[in-house]
């Protein structure tokens, strides 16, 4: 069977995960995870994006919270190491899922779900990359203009430093 669409989704998902890892690395020092920029700590933004990807990429109606969710609820936050471990868990879980797909399955709805598998995957690509952009913007505010690395269809874009101009940063 020729599964060109699944291959495209797999490739785009790999690019998504490269951007996720680069963003986690760009945050840098541990205390920056607690830094609230635009009223939202960076660590919380990262966790939200990963948790949504974990819950919604496959089937939000057949989802069990991972152990890291209980750890976060208990501690109120996750360390950088815990976020990296959650990232690796989500990446592996979605990788296994994609390997089981074929093009015909993309038009099907998972059991108990109102959306097709294609809609779930595309929706999470959109949502996750929205958060990557938001986090990149926050990192630029914090760093005074340093762009984190970004990977798209072409070669990776190297970070560029530019002096930010305009209104005051939204840091509190």
Protein backbone atom coordinates (compact mmCIF):
# COMPACT_ATOMS: atom_id res chain seq x y z
CA UNK A 1 0.00 0.00 0.00
CA UNK A 2 1.26 3.49 -0.84
CA UNK A 3 0.97 5.62 2.30
CA UNK A 4 2.25 8.97 1.07
CA UNK A 5 0.04 11.01 3.40
CA UNK A 6 1.23 9.14 6.49
CA UNK A 7 4.82 9.67 5.34
CA UNK A 8 4.16 13.42 5.06
CA UNK A 9 2.57 13.53 8.51
CA UNK A 10 5.50 11.57 9.92
CA UNK A 11 8.01 13.96 8.35
CA UNK A 12 6.16 17.04 9.55
CA UNK A 13 5.81 15.54 13.03
CA UNK A 14 9.56 14.93 13.15
CA UNK A 15 10.10 18.62 12.28
CA UNK A 16 7.64 19.58 15.03
CA UNK A 17 9.66 17.56 17.55
CA UNK A 18 12.96 19.09 16.38
CA UNK A 19 11.44 22.52 17.07
CA UNK A 20 10.16 21.34 20.45
CA UNK A 21 13.60 20.10 21.48
CA UNK A 22 15.35 23.21 20.18
CA UNK A 23 12.88 25.35 22.14
CA UNK A 24 13.43 23.36 25.34
CA UNK A 25 17.18 23.81 24.88
CA UNK A 26 16.77 27.53 24.12
CA UNK A 27 15.03 28.15 27.43
CA UNK A 28 18.35 27.40 29.05
CA UNK A 29 18.70 27.96 32.75
CA UNK A 30 16.32 26.23 35.15
CA UNK A 31 15.01 29.44 36.76
CA UNK A 32 13.81 30.68 33.38
CA UNK A 33 11.18 27.92 33.44
CA UNK A 34 9.54 29.82 36.32
CA UNK A 35 9.81 33.20 34.61
CA UNK A 36 6.35 34.54 33.87
CA UNK A 37 6.33 36.34 30.56
CA UNK A 38 2.92 37.67 29.55
CA UNK A 39 1.58 36.18 32.81
CA UNK A 40 2.51 32.61 31.89
CA UNK A 41 5.67 30.87 33.17
CA UNK A 42 7.65 29.31 30.33
CA UNK A 43 7.65 25.89 32.00
CA UNK A 44 3.84 25.99 32.14
CA UNK A 45 3.68 26.91 28.46
CA UNK A 46 5.94 23.99 27.55
CA UNK A 47 3.95 21.56 29.70
CA UNK A 48 0.64 22.75 28.24
CA UNK A 49 1.86 22.29 24.67
CA UNK A 50 3.26 18.81 25.38
CA UNK A 51 0.18 17.72 27.33
CA UNK A 52 -2.14 18.85 24.55
CA UNK A 53 -0.04 17.00 21.98
CA UNK A 54 -0.10 13.92 24.21
CA UNK A 55 -3.88 14.05 24.70
CA UNK A 56 -5.14 15.22 21.31
CA UNK A 57 -2.81 13.80 18.62
CA UNK A 58 -4.17 10.24 18.91
CA UNK A 59 -7.63 10.30 20.54
CA UNK A 60 -8.63 12.74 23.28
CA UNK A 61 -11.57 10.52 24.27
CA UNK A 62 -9.34 7.53 24.99
CA UNK A 63 -6.64 9.20 27.05
CA UNK A 64 -5.10 8.40 30.39
CA UNK A 65 -3.12 11.05 32.23
CA UNK A 66 0.58 10.14 32.35
CA UNK A 67 2.35 9.84 35.73
CA UNK A 68 4.04 13.20 35.10
CA UNK A 69 0.63 14.93 35.45
CA UNK A 70 0.31 13.69 39.04
CA UNK A 71 3.89 14.82 39.72
CA UNK A 72 3.09 18.27 38.35
CA UNK A 73 -0.11 18.53 40.40
CA UNK A 74 1.81 17.54 43.52
CA UNK A 75 4.79 19.84 42.99
CA UNK A 76 3.04 22.69 41.17
CA UNK A 77 5.69 22.65 38.45
CA UNK A 78 8.03 20.32 36.64
CA UNK A 79 11.80 20.66 36.47
CA UNK A 80 13.58 21.06 33.16
CA UNK A 81 14.63 17.41 33.38
CA UNK A 82 11.03 16.29 33.97
CA UNK A 83 9.82 18.37 31.00
CA UNK A 84 12.51 16.82 28.79
CA UNK A 85 11.49 13.36 29.96
CA UNK A 86 7.83 14.13 29.19
CA UNK A 87 8.86 15.43 25.76
CA UNK A 88 10.69 12.14 25.07
CA UNK A 89 7.66 10.13 26.26
CA UNK A 90 5.25 12.06 23.99
CA UNK A 91 7.61 11.83 21.01
CA UNK A 92 7.99 8.06 21.40
CA UNK A 93 4.25 7.52 21.93
CA UNK A 94 3.30 9.49 18.82
CA UNK A 95 6.08 7.81 16.80
CA UNK A 96 4.68 4.36 17.61
CA UNK A 97 1.17 5.56 16.72
CA UNK A 98 2.20 6.99 13.33
CA UNK A 99 3.99 3.76 12.38
CA UNK A 100 0.66 1.90 12.77
CA UNK A 101 -1.24 4.28 10.46
CA UNK A 102 -2.04 3.95 6.78
CA UNK A 103 -3.56 6.56 4.48
CA UNK A 104 -7.05 5.08 4.71
CA UNK A 105 -7.02 5.34 8.50
CA UNK A 106 -6.48 9.12 8.28
CA UNK A 107 -10.08 9.62 7.09
CA UNK A 108 -11.47 7.52 9.95
CA UNK A 109 -12.54 8.70 13.36
CA UNK A 110 -10.90 6.96 16.32
CA UNK A 111 -13.40 5.20 18.60
CA UNK A 112 -15.65 7.71 20.38
CA UNK A 113 -14.05 10.73 18.71
CA UNK A 114 -15.79 13.36 16.59
CA UNK A 115 -12.66 14.17 14.58
CA UNK A 116 -10.77 12.17 11.96
CA UNK A 117 -7.21 11.07 12.61
CA UNK A 118 -6.04 13.57 10.01
CA UNK A 119 -7.92 16.43 11.72
CA UNK A 120 -6.44 15.47 15.10
CA UNK A 121 -2.88 15.39 13.73
CA UNK A 122 -3.23 18.65 11.79
CA UNK A 123 -4.96 20.33 14.71
CA UNK A 124 -2.10 19.44 17.01
CA UNK A 125 0.49 20.62 14.51
CA UNK A 126 -1.29 23.98 14.39
CA UNK A 127 -1.76 24.21 18.16
CA UNK A 128 1.74 23.06 19.07
CA UNK A 129 3.49 25.37 16.63
CA UNK A 130 1.34 28.27 17.87
CA UNK A 131 2.84 27.63 21.31
CA UNK A 132 6.35 27.29 19.90
CA UNK A 133 5.88 30.74 18.34
CA UNK A 134 4.54 32.17 21.59
CA UNK A 135 7.44 30.69 23.56
CA UNK A 136 9.91 32.01 20.98
CA UNK A 137 8.39 35.47 21.39
CA UNK A 138 8.73 35.21 25.16
CA UNK A 139 12.34 34.08 24.81
CA UNK A 140 13.06 37.06 22.56
CA UNK A 141 11.59 39.40 25.17
CA UNK A 142 13.69 37.79 27.89
CA UNK A 143 16.91 37.78 25.85
CA UNK A 144 16.52 41.23 24.31
CA UNK A 145 16.10 39.90 20.78
CA UNK A 146 17.83 36.51 20.48
CA UNK A 147 15.88 34.28 18.09
CA UNK A 148 15.77 30.60 19.10
CA UNK A 149 16.53 28.11 16.29
CA UNK A 150 13.64 27.18 14.02
CA UNK A 151 13.34 24.26 11.59
CA UNK A 152 10.86 24.19 8.69
CA UNK A 153 10.81 22.50 5.30
CA UNK A 154 14.12 24.04 4.36
CA UNK A 155 17.35 24.20 6.32
CA UNK A 156 17.27 25.24 9.98
CA UNK A 157 17.26 28.98 10.55
CA UNK A 158 20.12 30.04 12.76
CA UNK A 159 19.38 32.35 15.70
CA UNK A 160 19.74 36.05 14.95
CA UNK A 161 20.02 38.80 17.52
CA UNK A 162 18.22 42.05 16.80
CA UNK A 163 17.43 44.87 19.17
CA UNK A 164 13.71 44.77 19.89
CA UNK A 165 11.92 48.04 19.35
CA UNK A 166 8.43 49.17 20.13
CA UNK A 167 6.46 49.12 23.36
CA UNK A 168 7.59 47.75 26.67
CA UNK A 169 7.95 43.98 27.05
CA UNK A 170 5.05 42.16 28.63
CA UNK A 171 7.20 40.84 31.45
CA UNK A 172 5.83 41.22 34.98
